[in-house]
Amino acid sequence: MDFSQAIRSCFSKYATFSGRAQRSEFWFFSLFTLLGSIALSILDSLSFGLSLADPGLLEGLFSLAMLLPSLSVTVRRLHDLDRTGWWLWLWLIPVIGWIILLIWMVSKGTDGDNDYGPDPLDGFSVTDTRGGFRKSSIPRVPRKD
């Protein structure tokens, strides 16, 4: 998955917490949010006379808009490792929790299908004998197509 495909995928699954996300999707979206924040921080400082360390309006709005898709791609990345999305709460534990999550985010996902869906690198889906995959433990918001 390349940079533009990852961004399109994350925005098309804006609030989808089920399924799996491969490493490239997660990291390209993280790079997109980082670059967007930096660019808008510079624009805030030029437009409003703020220092780069001060939070600006544009950067704040961008960060708020990216919160939900960032959470959803992180949960789907955890699903790719066959872990529940509730492990995201490790983020609240300074340093140790961050290191654990970082190690998981750079780790290779499970090969083949797991409880959360088909392998995103396979390109096809095989369901299990129970007739489907385990649903995410995080509530799903219905989308209008």
Protein backbone atom coordinates (compact mmCIF):
# COMPACT_ATOMS: atom_id res chain seq x y z
CA MET A 1 0.00 0.00 0.00
CA ASP A 2 1.43 3.37 -0.97
CA PHE A 3 1.00 6.75 0.73
CA SER A 4 -2.10 7.92 -1.17
CA GLN A 5 -3.83 4.53 -0.90
CA ALA A 6 -3.26 4.52 2.87
CA ILE A 7 -4.74 8.00 3.26
CA ARG A 8 -7.76 7.11 1.12
CA SER A 9 -8.24 3.87 3.04
CA CYS A 10 -8.14 5.58 6.43
CA PHE A 11 -10.58 8.30 5.37
CA SER A 12 -12.95 5.75 3.80
CA LYS A 13 -12.86 3.86 7.12
CA TYR A 14 -13.05 7.10 9.13
CA ALA A 15 -14.82 5.54 12.13
CA THR A 16 -14.56 1.82 11.34
CA PHE A 17 -13.07 -0.03 14.27
CA SER A 18 -13.53 -3.53 12.84
CA GLY A 19 -11.20 -5.29 10.46
CA ARG A 20 -7.46 -5.09 10.13
CA ALA A 21 -4.90 -2.51 9.01
CA GLN A 22 -1.48 -3.41 7.71
CA ARG A 23 1.67 -1.68 8.90
CA SER A 24 2.02 0.53 5.84
CA GLU A 25 -1.54 1.85 6.23
CA PHE A 26 -0.93 2.76 9.86
CA TRP A 27 2.50 4.34 9.37
CA PHE A 28 1.61 6.28 6.21
CA PHE A 29 -1.44 7.72 7.98
CA SER A 30 0.73 8.61 10.98
CA LEU A 31 3.17 10.36 8.63
CA PHE A 32 0.26 12.21 6.99
CA THR A 33 -1.02 13.50 10.35
CA LEU A 34 2.50 14.51 11.43
CA LEU A 35 3.21 16.38 8.19
CA GLY A 36 -0.24 18.02 8.30
CA SER A 37 0.32 19.18 11.87
CA ILE A 38 3.75 20.60 11.05
CA ALA A 39 2.49 22.40 7.94
CA LEU A 40 -0.50 23.88 9.75
CA SER A 41 1.66 24.88 12.71
CA ILE A 42 3.91 26.83 10.34
CA LEU A 43 0.86 28.37 8.66
CA ASP A 44 -0.55 29.32 12.09
CA SER A 45 2.72 30.98 13.06
CA LEU A 46 2.90 32.94 9.79
CA SER A 47 -0.77 33.94 9.82
CA PHE A 48 -1.33 34.71 13.47
CA GLY A 49 2.17 35.63 14.66
CA LEU A 50 2.41 32.66 17.02
CA SER A 51 5.62 30.83 17.80
CA LEU A 52 5.88 27.30 16.45
CA ALA A 53 5.55 25.94 19.99
CA ASP A 54 2.19 27.66 20.57
CA PRO A 55 -0.91 25.71 19.62
CA GLY A 56 -2.70 27.36 16.73
CA LEU A 57 -6.28 27.31 15.51
CA LEU A 58 -5.64 25.50 12.22
CA GLU A 59 -3.40 22.88 13.79
CA GLY A 60 -5.93 22.33 16.58
CA LEU A 61 -8.81 21.86 14.14
CA PHE A 62 -6.71 19.47 12.06
CA SER A 63 -5.75 17.44 15.14
CA LEU A 64 -9.38 17.26 16.22
CA ALA A 65 -10.45 16.11 12.75
CA MET A 66 -7.72 13.42 12.72
CA LEU A 67 -8.54 12.05 16.18
CA LEU A 68 -11.22 9.54 15.16
CA PRO A 69 -9.49 8.15 12.05
CA SER A 70 -6.23 7.88 14.01
CA LEU A 71 -7.94 5.91 16.75
CA SER A 72 -9.70 3.66 14.27
CA VAL A 73 -6.56 2.84 12.25
CA THR A 74 -4.70 2.13 15.50
CA VAL A 75 -7.43 -0.26 16.67
CA ARG A 76 -7.43 -1.99 13.27
CA ARG A 77 -3.62 -2.25 13.49
CA LEU A 78 -3.97 -3.95 16.88
CA HIS A 79 -6.52 -6.29 15.28
CA ASP A 80 -3.91 -7.19 12.64
CA LEU A 81 -1.75 -8.40 15.54
CA ASP A 82 -4.74 -10.43 16.84
CA ARG A 83 -5.11 -8.12 19.84
CA THR A 84 -8.26 -6.40 20.98
CA GLY A 85 -8.57 -2.65 20.47
CA TRP A 86 -8.81 -2.14 24.20
CA TRP A 87 -5.00 -2.48 24.35
CA LEU A 88 -4.96 1.09 23.09
CA TRP A 89 -5.46 2.14 26.72
CA LEU A 90 -1.76 1.33 27.23
CA TRP A 91 -1.16 4.79 25.77
CA LEU A 92 -2.14 6.22 29.16
CA ILE A 93 0.84 4.55 30.85
CA PRO A 94 3.79 6.89 30.29
CA VAL A 95 6.92 5.51 28.66
CA ILE A 96 6.31 1.78 29.26
CA GLY A 97 2.89 1.78 27.59
CA TRP A 98 4.22 3.88 24.70
CA ILE A 99 7.15 1.52 24.16
CA ILE A 100 4.89 -1.55 24.17
CA LEU A 101 2.52 0.03 21.66
CA LEU A 102 5.41 1.18 19.47
CA ILE A 103 6.85 -2.34 19.40
CA TRP A 104 3.42 -3.74 18.48
CA MET A 105 2.88 -1.13 15.77
CA VAL A 106 6.16 -2.01 14.03
CA SER A 107 5.59 -5.76 14.38
CA LYS A 108 4.41 -7.92 11.50
CA GLY A 109 0.72 -8.81 11.64
CA THR A 110 -0.53 -12.36 11.98
CA ASP A 111 -0.25 -14.42 8.82
CA GLY A 112 -3.55 -15.50 7.30
CA ASP A 113 -6.97 -14.90 8.76
CA ASN A 114 -7.38 -14.18 12.44
CA ASP A 115 -10.36 -13.52 14.73
CA TYR A 116 -10.75 -9.97 13.38
CA GLY A 117 -10.80 -10.65 9.66
CA PRO A 118 -8.82 -11.72 6.65
CA ASP A 119 -5.15 -10.94 6.21
CA PRO A 120 -4.99 -7.50 4.52
CA LEU A 121 -1.93 -8.65 2.57
CA ASP A 122 -3.63 -11.76 1.09
CA GLY A 123 -6.21 -9.97 -1.01
CA PHE A 124 -8.96 -12.53 -0.45
CA SER A 125 -11.14 -13.59 2.46
CA VAL A 126 -11.77 -17.01 3.93
CA THR A 127 -14.31 -17.23 6.76
CA ASP A 128 -14.00 -19.66 9.60
CA THR A 129 -16.30 -22.57 10.40
CA ARG A 130 -18.44 -20.47 12.73
CA GLY A 131 -19.58 -18.37 9.79
CA GLY A 132 -17.56 -15.22 10.32
CA PHE A 133 -14.96 -13.37 12.29
CA ARG A 134 -15.10 -12.05 15.81
CA LYS A 135 -16.50 -8.55 15.94
CA SER A 136 -14.51 -5.71 17.42
CA SER A 137 -15.07 -5.14 21.11
CA ILE A 138 -15.41 -1.43 20.39
CA PRO A 139 -18.96 -0.40 19.41
CA ARG A 140 -19.46 0.16 15.68
CA VAL A 141 -21.19 3.29 14.42
CA PRO A 142 -23.39 2.50 11.39
CA ARG A 143 -22.37 4.33 8.22
CA LYS A 144 -24.54 5.60 5.44
CA ASP A 145 -23.28 4.40 2.07
